[in-house]
């Protein structure tokens, strides 16, 4: 996709760039809690 021009490879992260997540808004505590719950219920 990168070679075909569908996705751009930015040298510096830019605000509102497609495909670049906003890491500060990601719910890491919730993600960790759900991951632990899944490991507890289903194992590794």
N, C-alpha and C. Protein backbone atom coordinates (compact mmCIF):
# COMPACT_ATOMS: atom_id res chain seq x y z
N UNK A 1 0.82 -1.19 0.00
CA UNK A 1 0.00 0.00 0.00
C UNK A 1 0.87 1.26 0.00
N UNK A 2 1.97 1.22 0.74
CA UNK A 2 2.84 2.38 0.80
C UNK A 2 3.43 2.68 -0.57
N UNK A 3 3.87 1.65 -1.27
CA UNK A 3 4.45 1.84 -2.60
C UNK A 3 3.41 2.31 -3.61
N UNK A 4 2.16 1.90 -3.43
CA UNK A 4 1.11 2.27 -4.36
C UNK A 4 0.52 3.65 -4.13
N UNK A 5 0.92 4.32 -3.05
CA UNK A 5 0.44 5.66 -2.79
C UNK A 5 -0.82 5.74 -1.97
N UNK A 6 -1.32 4.61 -1.47
CA UNK A 6 -2.54 4.65 -0.67
C UNK A 6 -2.28 5.14 0.75
N UNK A 7 -1.08 4.91 1.26
CA UNK A 7 -0.72 5.32 2.60
C UNK A 7 0.54 6.15 2.51
N UNK A 8 0.56 7.28 3.21
CA UNK A 8 1.75 8.11 3.20
C UNK A 8 2.61 7.81 4.42
N UNK A 9 3.90 7.82 4.24
CA UNK A 9 4.85 7.60 5.33
C UNK A 9 5.39 8.97 5.75
N UNK A 10 4.85 9.51 6.84
CA UNK A 10 5.27 10.82 7.30
C UNK A 10 6.55 10.70 8.12
N UNK A 11 7.50 11.57 7.87
CA UNK A 11 8.74 11.58 8.65
C UNK A 11 8.48 12.08 10.05
N UNK A 12 7.63 13.06 10.19
CA UNK A 12 7.27 13.62 11.49
C UNK A 12 5.77 13.40 11.69
N UNK A 13 5.33 12.96 12.89
CA UNK A 13 3.90 12.80 13.12
C UNK A 13 3.18 14.14 12.98
N UNK A 14 2.02 14.11 12.35
CA UNK A 14 1.24 15.33 12.16
C UNK A 14 -0.15 15.15 12.75
N UNK A 15 -0.70 16.21 13.25
CA UNK A 15 -2.06 16.16 13.79
C UNK A 15 -3.05 15.85 12.67
N UNK A 16 -4.03 15.04 12.98
CA UNK A 16 -5.11 14.67 12.07
C UNK A 16 -4.64 13.91 10.84
N UNK A 17 -3.48 13.27 10.91
CA UNK A 17 -3.00 12.46 9.80
C UNK A 17 -3.74 11.13 9.82
N UNK A 18 -4.23 10.66 8.68
CA UNK A 18 -4.95 9.38 8.65
C UNK A 18 -4.05 8.23 9.06
N UNK A 19 -4.59 7.34 9.88
CA UNK A 19 -3.85 6.16 10.30
C UNK A 19 -2.91 6.41 11.46
N UNK A 20 -2.93 7.61 12.03
CA UNK A 20 -2.06 7.91 13.18
C UNK A 20 -2.96 8.08 14.40
N UNK A 21 -2.91 7.13 15.34
CA UNK A 21 -3.81 7.21 16.49
C UNK A 21 -3.37 8.28 17.49
N UNK A 22 -4.33 8.79 18.23
CA UNK A 22 -4.06 9.73 19.30
C UNK A 22 -3.82 8.91 20.56
N UNK A 23 -2.55 8.73 20.93
CA UNK A 23 -2.19 7.85 22.04
C UNK A 23 -2.64 8.38 23.39
N UNK A 24 -2.69 9.68 23.55
CA UNK A 24 -3.09 10.23 24.85
C UNK A 24 -4.54 9.93 25.18
N UNK A 25 -5.37 9.70 24.18
CA UNK A 25 -6.79 9.44 24.40
C UNK A 25 -7.11 7.95 24.54
N UNK A 26 -6.14 7.10 24.29
CA UNK A 26 -6.39 5.66 24.33
C UNK A 26 -6.62 5.21 25.77
N UNK A 27 -7.65 4.42 26.03
CA UNK A 27 -7.96 3.98 27.40
C UNK A 27 -7.08 2.81 27.86
N UNK A 28 -5.80 3.08 28.11
CA UNK A 28 -4.87 2.02 28.52
C UNK A 28 -5.33 1.27 29.77
N UNK A 29 -5.81 1.94 30.83
CA UNK A 29 -6.27 1.18 32.01
C UNK A 29 -7.40 0.22 31.69
N UNK A 30 -8.35 0.64 30.87
CA UNK A 30 -9.46 -0.24 30.49
C UNK A 30 -8.96 -1.40 29.65
N UNK A 31 -8.06 -1.12 28.70
CA UNK A 31 -7.49 -2.16 27.85
C UNK A 31 -6.74 -3.20 28.69
N UNK A 32 -5.98 -2.73 29.67
CA UNK A 32 -5.24 -3.64 30.54
C UNK A 32 -6.19 -4.49 31.38
N UNK A 33 -7.24 -3.87 31.93
CA UNK A 33 -8.20 -4.61 32.74
C UNK A 33 -8.89 -5.69 31.91
N UNK A 34 -9.29 -5.35 30.69
CA UNK A 34 -9.95 -6.34 29.83
C UNK A 34 -8.99 -7.46 29.44
N UNK A 35 -7.74 -7.12 29.19
CA UNK A 35 -6.74 -8.15 28.87
C UNK A 35 -6.52 -9.11 30.01
N UNK A 36 -6.44 -8.56 31.21
CA UNK A 36 -6.27 -9.43 32.39
C UNK A 36 -7.49 -10.32 32.60
N UNK A 37 -8.67 -9.76 32.37
CA UNK A 37 -9.89 -10.54 32.51
C UNK A 37 -9.91 -11.70 31.51
N UNK A 38 -9.52 -11.44 30.28
CA UNK A 38 -9.49 -12.50 29.28
C UNK A 38 -8.47 -13.58 29.63
N UNK A 39 -7.29 -13.18 30.10
CA UNK A 39 -6.30 -14.18 30.49
C UNK A 39 -6.78 -15.01 31.67
N UNK A 40 -7.47 -14.37 32.60
CA UNK A 40 -7.99 -15.10 33.76
C UNK A 40 -9.05 -16.12 33.33
N UNK A 41 -9.92 -15.73 32.41
CA UNK A 41 -11.02 -16.60 31.98
C UNK A 41 -10.57 -17.69 31.02
N UNK A 42 -9.67 -17.35 30.07
CA UNK A 42 -9.33 -18.28 29.00
C UNK A 42 -7.90 -18.79 29.03
N UNK A 43 -7.04 -18.19 29.87
CA UNK A 43 -5.65 -18.61 29.92
C UNK A 43 -4.86 -18.01 28.77
N UNK A 44 -3.63 -18.43 28.66
CA UNK A 44 -2.75 -17.84 27.64
C UNK A 44 -3.02 -18.42 26.28
